[in-house]
Amino acid sequence: VTFYSVAGKDGWVFDIRGDRRMMKLISSSACVKGEPVNDSCSDSWSIDFIRGLALALNLEEIKYNQTSRVISFETENNERINVYYTTRTVGTALKHPSQGATQLFRRN
């Protein structure tokens, strides 16, 4: 079992839980923008990869839409996290104390 620290979170992500493999190393080299995509540098995340991270971070899966290519999770604080796995885009939706309902999208 290998443990990984997640930036901005308390605790650790691990690659094996019981007899079930949660994550596997595909490549230890960085993907370089503009270079050809290969097996170790894909343009999309796998659904298993996303679900493994969500499980390790105690996120509850609340929706999966294959047509929109999105998996939605909810945190313990009722914040929604939408992961668009083919574009590697992550959107968060929460109630801001002064601004009300807000959304934020991030993509590398």
Protein backbone atom coordinates (compact mmCIF):
# COMPACT_ATOMS: atom_id res chain seq x y z
CA VAL A 1 0.00 0.00 0.00
CA THR A 2 1.26 3.47 -0.92
CA PHE A 3 -0.13 6.62 0.71
CA TYR A 4 -0.30 10.01 -1.01
CA SER A 5 -0.85 13.43 0.53
CA VAL A 6 -3.55 15.56 -1.10
CA ALA A 7 -2.88 19.31 -1.20
CA GLY A 8 -5.36 21.28 0.88
CA LYS A 9 -6.85 18.22 2.62
CA ASP A 10 -6.22 16.53 5.94
CA GLY A 11 -5.44 12.86 5.62
CA TRP A 12 -4.11 10.62 2.91
CA VAL A 13 -5.15 8.88 -0.31
CA PHE A 14 -4.06 5.25 -0.65
CA ASP A 15 -3.80 2.98 -3.66
CA ILE A 16 -5.21 -0.23 -2.15
CA ARG A 17 -8.20 -0.73 0.20
CA GLY A 18 -8.49 -4.29 1.45
CA ASP A 19 -8.16 -6.50 -1.64
CA ARG A 20 -9.33 -3.75 -4.01
CA ARG A 21 -6.89 -1.62 -6.01
CA MET A 22 -8.09 2.01 -5.94
CA MET A 23 -5.35 3.61 -8.07
CA LYS A 24 -2.42 2.48 -10.14
CA LEU A 25 0.62 4.35 -11.40
CA ILE A 26 0.29 4.93 -15.12
CA SER A 27 3.29 7.19 -15.50
CA SER A 28 5.67 9.11 -13.28
CA SER A 29 6.49 11.63 -15.99
CA ALA A 30 4.51 14.81 -16.54
CA CYS A 31 2.26 15.27 -19.56
CA VAL A 32 3.55 18.00 -21.81
CA LYS A 33 1.00 20.19 -23.56
CA GLY A 34 1.29 20.02 -27.33
CA GLU A 35 3.02 16.64 -27.40
CA PRO A 36 1.22 13.56 -28.76
CA VAL A 37 -1.16 11.82 -26.36
CA ASN A 38 -0.15 8.28 -25.41
CA ASP A 39 -1.38 5.67 -22.92
CA SER A 40 0.39 7.39 -20.03
CA CYS A 41 -0.77 10.90 -20.93
CA SER A 42 -4.46 10.81 -21.75
CA ASP A 43 -6.75 13.75 -22.47
CA SER A 44 -9.40 12.34 -20.11
CA TRP A 45 -9.65 10.76 -16.67
CA SER A 46 -11.09 7.29 -16.25
CA ILE A 47 -14.32 6.90 -14.32
CA ASP A 48 -12.61 4.41 -11.98
CA PHE A 49 -9.85 6.96 -11.24
CA ILE A 50 -12.41 9.63 -10.30
CA ARG A 51 -14.49 7.26 -8.18
CA GLY A 52 -11.34 6.02 -6.41
CA LEU A 53 -10.33 9.55 -5.45
CA ALA A 54 -13.88 10.36 -4.34
CA LEU A 55 -13.98 7.24 -2.17
CA ALA A 56 -10.66 8.11 -0.57
CA LEU A 57 -11.90 11.67 0.13
CA ASN A 58 -15.26 10.51 1.58
CA LEU A 59 -17.34 12.06 -1.21
CA GLU A 60 -20.76 10.61 -1.91
CA GLU A 61 -21.60 9.98 -5.57
CA ILE A 62 -24.98 11.57 -6.27
CA LYS A 63 -25.21 11.51 -10.07
CA TYR A 64 -23.62 9.95 -13.14
CA ASN A 65 -24.62 11.20 -16.60
CA GLN A 66 -22.91 9.31 -19.39
CA THR A 67 -24.38 11.62 -22.07
CA SER A 68 -22.97 14.77 -20.42
CA ARG A 69 -19.85 12.87 -19.33
CA VAL A 70 -20.11 14.11 -15.76
CA ILE A 71 -19.97 12.48 -12.33
CA SER A 72 -21.31 14.51 -9.39
CA PHE A 73 -20.35 14.12 -5.75
CA GLU A 74 -21.43 15.76 -2.51
CA THR A 75 -19.27 16.65 0.49
CA GLU A 76 -20.27 16.40 4.14
CA ASN A 77 -20.99 20.18 3.95
CA ASN A 78 -23.49 19.74 1.07
CA GLU A 79 -21.08 21.19 -1.48
CA ARG A 80 -21.43 19.68 -4.95
CA ILE A 81 -18.42 18.68 -7.05
CA ASN A 82 -19.01 17.96 -10.75
CA VAL A 83 -16.21 16.17 -12.60
CA TYR A 84 -16.33 16.32 -16.41
CA TYR A 85 -14.00 13.40 -16.99
CA THR A 86 -13.38 13.76 -20.74
CA THR A 87 -12.18 17.37 -20.44
CA ARG A 88 -10.61 17.08 -16.95
CA THR A 89 -12.80 19.95 -15.76
CA VAL A 90 -13.91 20.16 -12.13
CA GLY A 91 -16.80 22.39 -11.09
CA THR A 92 -17.81 23.18 -7.52
CA ALA A 93 -21.16 24.56 -6.40
CA LEU A 94 -21.79 25.91 -2.93
CA LYS A 95 -23.71 28.54 -0.98
CA HIS A 96 -21.41 31.47 -0.29
CA PRO A 97 -22.23 33.34 2.96
CA SER A 98 -22.61 36.73 1.27
CA GLN A 99 -22.84 35.96 -2.48
CA GLY A 100 -25.36 33.13 -2.31
CA ALA A 101 -25.14 30.20 -4.71
CA THR A 102 -21.80 30.21 -6.55
CA GLN A 103 -20.03 27.99 -9.05
CA LEU A 104 -16.33 27.69 -9.83
CA PHE A 105 -14.75 25.72 -12.70
CA ARG A 106 -11.13 24.60 -12.92
CA ARG A 107 -9.31 22.94 -15.77
CA ASN A 108 -5.61 22.25 -16.31
